[in-house]
Amino acid sequence: MPLIVDRESRIGTTGATLSRVTLHNQVHVTPPPYMPFPATWPAYVPKDKLAGWFEPTPRVWSSDFWTAAPELSGGSYDDGTEC
């Protein structure tokens, strides 16, 4: 199971805290895996819309998500425990 670590208190807000953020590629070119953007979205997604799209990610992908985490200085994977 993947572990996602974010220093922000809400999922998807890292980019949303910046004043002007949009995708550099059009949405049909860079869809997230298994969660394509809705066909009604604009070609270039505004930051707040994108942040909202990422919020359900842990539930959809069944992954662990740590928010408000301190700085991550490293990590490792143990083949024996698969963690």
Protein backbone atom coordinates (compact mmCIF):
# COMPACT_ATOMS: atom_id res chain seq x y z
CA MET A 1 0.00 0.00 0.00
CA PRO A 2 1.52 3.38 -0.93
CA LEU A 3 2.22 6.01 1.68
CA ILE A 4 1.80 9.66 0.70
CA VAL A 5 3.38 12.27 2.97
CA ASP A 6 2.46 15.96 2.77
CA ARG A 7 3.58 18.84 4.95
CA GLU A 8 0.28 20.67 4.41
CA SER A 9 -2.73 20.02 6.64
CA ARG A 10 -5.08 19.32 3.69
CA ILE A 11 -4.55 16.99 0.76
CA GLY A 12 -3.81 18.77 -2.49
CA THR A 13 -3.17 22.21 -1.02
CA THR A 14 0.58 22.44 -1.63
CA GLY A 15 0.07 23.88 -5.12
CA ALA A 16 -3.09 25.73 -4.12
CA THR A 17 -1.14 27.85 -1.64
CA LEU A 18 0.75 29.43 -4.53
CA SER A 19 -0.83 32.54 -5.98
CA ARG A 20 -1.07 31.47 -9.64
CA VAL A 21 -0.82 27.81 -10.59
CA THR A 22 -2.27 25.94 -13.58
CA LEU A 23 -1.24 22.79 -15.39
CA HIS A 24 1.39 23.43 -18.05
CA ASN A 25 -0.10 20.72 -20.26
CA GLN A 26 -3.69 20.44 -21.33
CA VAL A 27 -5.81 18.05 -19.24
CA HIS A 28 -6.25 15.53 -22.04
CA VAL A 29 -2.45 15.15 -22.23
CA THR A 30 -1.71 14.68 -18.49
CA PRO A 31 -4.57 12.85 -16.76
CA PRO A 32 -3.82 11.35 -13.34
CA PRO A 33 -3.64 7.54 -13.35
CA TYR A 34 -7.03 5.87 -12.86
CA MET A 35 -8.73 9.25 -12.23
CA PRO A 36 -9.15 11.05 -15.56
CA PHE A 37 -10.31 14.64 -15.39
CA PRO A 38 -13.98 15.23 -16.28
CA ALA A 39 -14.62 16.05 -19.94
CA THR A 40 -16.30 19.31 -18.86
CA TRP A 41 -13.11 20.73 -17.35
CA PRO A 42 -11.21 23.54 -19.08
CA ALA A 43 -8.08 22.69 -21.07
CA TYR A 44 -5.88 24.27 -18.37
CA VAL A 45 -7.06 23.47 -14.84
CA PRO A 46 -7.00 26.27 -12.21
CA LYS A 47 -5.11 25.49 -9.00
CA ASP A 48 -8.14 25.36 -6.67
CA LYS A 49 -10.00 22.93 -8.94
CA LEU A 50 -6.92 20.73 -9.17
CA ALA A 51 -6.41 20.76 -5.38
CA GLY A 52 -10.02 19.69 -4.86
CA TRP A 53 -9.57 16.85 -7.35
CA PHE A 54 -6.67 15.40 -5.33
CA GLU A 55 -8.45 15.52 -1.97
CA PRO A 56 -10.21 12.09 -2.30
CA THR A 57 -7.01 10.42 -3.55
CA PRO A 58 -6.26 8.36 -0.39
CA ARG A 59 -9.79 6.91 -0.29
CA VAL A 60 -9.88 6.18 -4.03
CA TRP A 61 -6.42 4.58 -4.14
CA SER A 62 -6.67 2.93 -0.68
CA SER A 63 -3.41 4.55 0.36
CA ASP A 64 -2.12 5.90 3.64
CA PHE A 65 -1.80 9.67 3.72
CA TRP A 66 -0.01 11.63 6.43
CA THR A 67 -0.84 15.33 6.51
CA ALA A 68 0.88 18.09 8.49
CA ALA A 69 3.97 15.87 8.46
CA PRO A 70 7.42 17.15 9.41
CA GLU A 71 10.10 17.23 6.73
CA LEU A 72 10.87 13.78 5.36
CA SER A 73 14.61 13.18 5.31
CA GLY A 74 14.60 9.67 3.86
CA GLY A 75 12.91 6.32 3.65
CA SER A 76 13.49 2.69 2.83
CA TYR A 77 11.56 -0.42 1.81
CA ASP A 78 11.87 -3.79 3.53
CA ASP A 79 11.25 -6.70 1.14
CA GLY A 80 10.62 -9.03 4.06
CA THR A 81 7.76 -7.03 5.58
CA GLU A 82 6.75 -5.30 2.33
CA CYS A 83 6.73 -1.99 4.20
